[in-house]
Amino acid sequence: MAGRLRQPTGRYGGRTAEERQEERRRRFLDAGLELFGAGPGYRSTTVAALSEAAGLSTRQFYEAFRTLEDVLAALHLQVNGWAEEAALAALAEARELPLAERATAVFHAYAANVTSDPRRIRITFVEIIGVSARLEEQRLARRARWVEFICGEAAAAVARGEAAPRDFRVAAAAFIGSVNGLLHDWNAGWVDATLEEVVEELVRQLLWILRPAGWCADVAASP
């Protein structure tokens, strides 16, 4: 297909063409979340099947998206966006708490958001893998965003005398890998633990990164 079909114009049923188009886009994304995240998966889903699940036509699909990959890409960003919003909201409320309590609040919010719907885990940790160079670039870019988040909070902890100063980029990348792997395995039933225990383990790992053996706040603060 050379390009998208022309967009409808004008009002219908009291809604603008843009509002109708946005609703159809949402319905396609909802159907994608179900089919990619709980049904046959991205690779076994067709445009026709997605359109049927959304209660729309294939013509309407191509008015909203170019390919199924575009749907998966949008879902991947959406799921990560929800998790980031949850983490940032928790951080805002816990900003004045000690480091361990801040970290616990943030990772509990993140983990609770991601694991609240198993479809989200499958989309962001499974279905996105190996689809195309474009989606791999998006996946790594989104992971880099989480790494920057960790590094930013680590720098804030250093400034408050709560952590040992160093370059945290490699450690943060390794930690994000641990987060993704542990949450995926826990959701799949391969880790015999409660979500609280999973979060506690992640916080212990993060604190070890920020406060290595032999470091203490009193020593760091000494002249």
Protein backbone atom coordinates (compact mmCIF):
# COMPACT_ATOMS: atom_id res chain seq x y z
CA MET A 1 0.00 0.00 0.00
CA ALA A 2 1.49 3.33 -1.11
CA GLY A 3 0.06 5.29 1.83
CA ARG A 4 -2.80 5.70 4.20
CA LEU A 5 -6.34 6.07 2.96
CA ARG A 6 -7.79 9.55 3.08
CA GLN A 7 -9.19 10.58 6.43
CA PRO A 8 -12.94 11.22 6.77
CA THR A 9 -13.99 14.79 7.45
CA GLY A 10 -16.96 16.55 9.02
CA ARG A 11 -19.15 15.78 12.04
CA TYR A 12 -21.18 12.64 12.59
CA GLY A 13 -23.14 11.77 15.72
CA GLY A 14 -21.94 14.97 17.37
CA ARG A 15 -18.27 14.06 17.05
CA THR A 16 -15.58 15.42 14.77
CA ALA A 17 -13.69 13.24 12.32
CA GLU A 18 -10.62 13.53 14.55
CA GLU A 19 -12.57 12.31 17.58
CA ARG A 20 -13.97 9.35 15.65
CA GLN A 21 -10.52 8.51 14.34
CA GLU A 22 -9.03 8.65 17.85
CA GLU A 23 -11.73 6.33 19.16
CA ARG A 24 -11.05 3.83 16.37
CA ARG A 25 -7.33 4.02 17.07
CA ARG A 26 -8.00 3.27 20.73
CA ARG A 27 -10.16 0.30 19.78
CA PHE A 28 -7.40 -1.10 17.58
CA LEU A 29 -4.90 -0.67 20.43
CA ASP A 30 -7.25 -2.37 22.89
CA ALA A 31 -7.66 -5.25 20.46
CA GLY A 32 -3.89 -5.39 19.97
CA LEU A 33 -3.30 -5.52 23.70
CA GLU A 34 -5.63 -8.53 23.90
CA LEU A 35 -4.43 -10.41 20.81
CA PHE A 36 -0.72 -9.66 21.20
CA GLY A 37 -0.70 -9.84 24.99
CA ALA A 38 -3.13 -12.67 25.76
CA GLY A 39 -4.14 -14.27 22.48
CA PRO A 40 -2.11 -15.77 19.67
CA GLY A 41 0.60 -13.09 19.86
CA TYR A 42 1.86 -10.47 17.45
CA ARG A 43 3.38 -12.89 14.95
CA SER A 44 0.18 -14.95 14.68
CA THR A 45 -2.21 -12.00 14.35
CA THR A 46 -3.41 -10.62 11.02
CA VAL A 47 -4.86 -7.24 10.16
CA ALA A 48 -8.18 -8.95 9.49
CA ALA A 49 -8.18 -10.65 12.91
CA LEU A 50 -7.24 -7.45 14.70
CA SER A 51 -9.93 -5.50 12.86
CA GLU A 52 -12.53 -8.13 13.73
CA ALA A 53 -11.51 -8.05 17.39
CA ALA A 54 -11.81 -4.25 17.37
CA GLY A 55 -15.22 -4.43 15.70
CA LEU A 56 -13.92 -2.36 12.79
CA SER A 57 -12.98 -2.90 9.15
CA THR A 58 -9.58 -3.39 7.59
CA ARG A 59 -10.18 -0.16 5.68
CA GLN A 60 -10.50 1.63 9.02
CA PHE A 61 -7.32 -0.07 10.22
CA TYR A 62 -5.33 1.43 7.37
CA GLU A 63 -6.79 4.84 8.15
CA ALA A 64 -5.24 4.59 11.61
CA PHE A 65 -2.06 2.53 11.09
CA ARG A 66 0.20 1.46 8.26
CA THR A 67 1.12 -1.98 9.61
CA LEU A 68 0.56 -4.29 12.57
CA GLU A 69 4.08 -3.39 13.65
CA ASP A 70 2.88 0.16 14.19
CA VAL A 71 0.25 -1.18 16.60
CA LEU A 72 2.86 -3.16 18.54
CA ALA A 73 5.17 -0.15 18.65
CA ALA A 74 2.38 2.06 20.01
CA LEU A 75 1.44 -0.53 22.63
CA HIS A 76 5.05 -0.91 23.76
CA LEU A 77 5.34 2.83 24.31
CA GLN A 78 1.93 2.97 25.98
CA VAL A 79 2.73 0.21 28.48
CA ASN A 80 6.07 1.81 29.35
CA GLY A 81 4.37 5.19 29.64
CA TRP A 82 1.87 3.85 32.16
CA ALA A 83 4.68 2.33 34.24
CA GLU A 84 6.72 5.52 34.12
CA GLU A 85 3.75 7.62 35.23
CA ALA A 86 3.21 5.28 38.18
CA ALA A 87 6.89 5.43 39.17
CA LEU A 88 7.07 9.22 38.90
CA ALA A 89 3.87 9.68 40.91
CA ALA A 90 5.25 7.45 43.67
CA LEU A 91 8.57 9.31 43.62
CA ALA A 92 6.81 12.66 43.95
CA GLU A 93 5.03 11.47 47.09
CA ALA A 94 8.16 9.85 48.56
CA ARG A 95 10.65 12.58 47.64
CA GLU A 96 11.44 13.54 51.24
CA LEU A 97 11.71 9.98 52.57
CA PRO A 98 15.05 8.21 53.18
CA LEU A 99 16.65 6.47 50.21
CA ALA A 100 15.51 2.92 51.02
CA GLU A 101 11.91 4.05 51.49
CA ARG A 102 11.98 6.11 48.28
CA ALA A 103 13.33 3.18 46.30
CA THR A 104 10.74 0.82 47.78
CA ALA A 105 7.89 3.19 46.93
CA VAL A 106 9.06 3.71 43.36
CA PHE A 107 9.70 0.06 42.54
CA HIS A 108 6.55 -1.11 44.24
CA ALA A 109 4.56 1.35 42.10
CA TYR A 110 6.39 0.29 38.94
CA ALA A 111 6.05 -3.43 39.61
CA ALA A 112 2.40 -3.14 40.62
CA ASN A 113 1.61 -1.25 37.44
CA VAL A 114 3.41 -3.62 35.09
CA THR A 115 2.16 -6.80 36.73
CA SER A 116 -1.43 -5.58 37.17
CA ASP A 117 -2.12 -6.89 33.67
CA PRO A 118 -0.12 -9.91 32.38
CA ARG A 119 -0.70 -8.64 28.84
CA ARG A 120 1.52 -5.66 29.58
CA ILE A 121 4.43 -7.89 30.58
CA ARG A 122 4.07 -9.99 27.44
CA ILE A 123 3.96 -6.91 25.21
CA THR A 124 6.97 -5.17 26.69
CA PHE A 125 9.19 -8.15 27.59
CA VAL A 126 8.28 -10.81 25.02
CA GLU A 127 6.39 -9.74 21.90
CA ILE A 128 8.62 -6.74 21.19
CA ILE A 129 11.78 -8.88 21.01
CA GLY A 130 13.25 -9.66 17.58
CA VAL A 131 10.48 -8.16 15.47
CA SER A 132 12.53 -5.68 13.47
CA ALA A 133 15.52 -3.36 13.66
CA ARG A 134 13.12 -0.47 14.14
CA LEU A 135 11.41 -1.99 17.18
CA GLU A 136 14.72 -3.13 18.63
CA GLU A 137 15.90 0.47 18.44
CA GLN A 138 12.70 1.60 20.15
CA ARG A 139 13.06 -1.06 22.85
CA LEU A 140 16.65 -0.08 23.59
CA ALA A 141 15.77 3.62 23.55
CA ARG A 142 13.01 2.99 26.09
CA ARG A 143 15.39 0.97 28.23
CA ALA A 144 17.92 3.82 28.01
CA ARG A 145 15.22 6.13 29.34
CA TRP A 146 14.85 3.91 32.40
CA VAL A 147 18.63 3.84 32.82
CA GLU A 148 18.67 7.64 32.79
CA PHE A 149 15.93 7.63 35.41
CA ILE A 150 18.00 5.40 37.69
CA CYS A 151 21.14 7.48 37.10
CA GLY A 152 19.28 10.69 37.83
CA GLU A 153 17.95 9.39 41.13
CA ALA A 154 21.36 7.96 41.99
CA ALA A 155 22.92 11.38 41.42
CA ALA A 156 20.27 12.94 43.66
CA ALA A 157 21.07 10.38 46.37
CA VAL A 158 24.79 11.20 46.07
CA ALA A 159 24.03 14.90 46.43
CA ARG A 160 22.08 14.16 49.62
CA GLY A 161 24.93 12.11 51.04
CA GLU A 162 22.94 8.89 50.75
CA ALA A 163 25.08 7.09 48.16
CA ALA A 164 28.67 6.66 47.04
CA PRO A 165 29.62 8.88 44.09
CA ARG A 166 30.55 7.09 40.86
CA ASP A 167 29.44 6.59 37.25
CA PHE A 168 26.23 4.54 37.56
CA ARG A 169 25.46 3.97 33.88
CA VAL A 170 26.72 0.40 33.53
CA ALA A 171 25.32 -0.64 36.91
CA ALA A 172 21.97 0.95 36.07
CA ALA A 173 21.80 -0.91 32.74
CA ALA A 174 22.53 -4.20 34.52
CA PHE A 175 19.93 -3.40 37.16
CA ILE A 176 17.22 -2.67 34.58
CA GLY A 177 17.98 -6.04 33.01
CA SER A 178 17.46 -7.65 36.41
CA VAL A 179 14.16 -5.82 36.88
CA ASN A 180 12.83 -6.93 33.51
CA GLY A 181 13.98 -10.52 33.89
CA LEU A 182 12.76 -10.97 37.44
CA LEU A 183 9.32 -9.48 36.80
CA HIS A 184 8.90 -11.56 33.65
CA ASP A 185 9.91 -14.77 35.43
CA TRP A 186 7.73 -13.96 38.44
CA ASN A 187 4.72 -13.34 36.22
CA ALA A 188 5.39 -16.63 34.38
CA GLY A 189 5.33 -18.50 37.69
CA TRP A 190 9.03 -19.37 37.64
CA VAL A 191 9.81 -17.43 40.83
CA ASP A 192 8.16 -18.68 44.01
CA ALA A 193 7.71 -15.36 45.80
CA THR A 194 5.16 -12.67 46.45
CA LEU A 195 5.34 -9.37 44.58
CA GLU A 196 6.38 -7.74 47.85
CA GLU A 197 9.34 -10.14 48.09
CA VAL A 198 10.29 -9.42 44.49
CA VAL A 199 10.27 -5.68 45.15
CA GLU A 200 12.30 -6.15 48.34
CA GLU A 201 14.94 -8.06 46.40
CA LEU A 202 15.12 -5.38 43.71
CA VAL A 203 15.50 -2.67 46.35
CA ARG A 204 18.31 -4.65 48.03
CA GLN A 205 20.11 -4.90 44.70
CA LEU A 206 19.71 -1.19 44.05
CA LEU A 207 20.93 -0.21 47.50
CA TRP A 208 23.98 -2.45 47.08
CA ILE A 209 24.75 -0.59 43.84
CA LEU A 210 24.34 2.79 45.53
CA ARG A 211 26.00 1.81 48.80
CA PRO A 212 28.78 -0.72 48.14
CA ALA A 213 30.44 -2.62 50.96
CA GLY A 214 32.74 -0.42 53.01
CA TRP A 215 30.90 2.82 52.26
CA CYS A 216 28.92 4.71 54.87
CA ALA A 217 27.34 8.13 54.96
CA ASP A 218 29.41 9.30 57.93
CA VAL A 219 32.69 8.54 56.15
CA ALA A 220 31.50 10.16 52.92
CA ALA A 221 30.46 13.29 54.77
CA SER A 222 33.76 13.66 56.68
CA PRO A 223 36.02 16.57 55.63
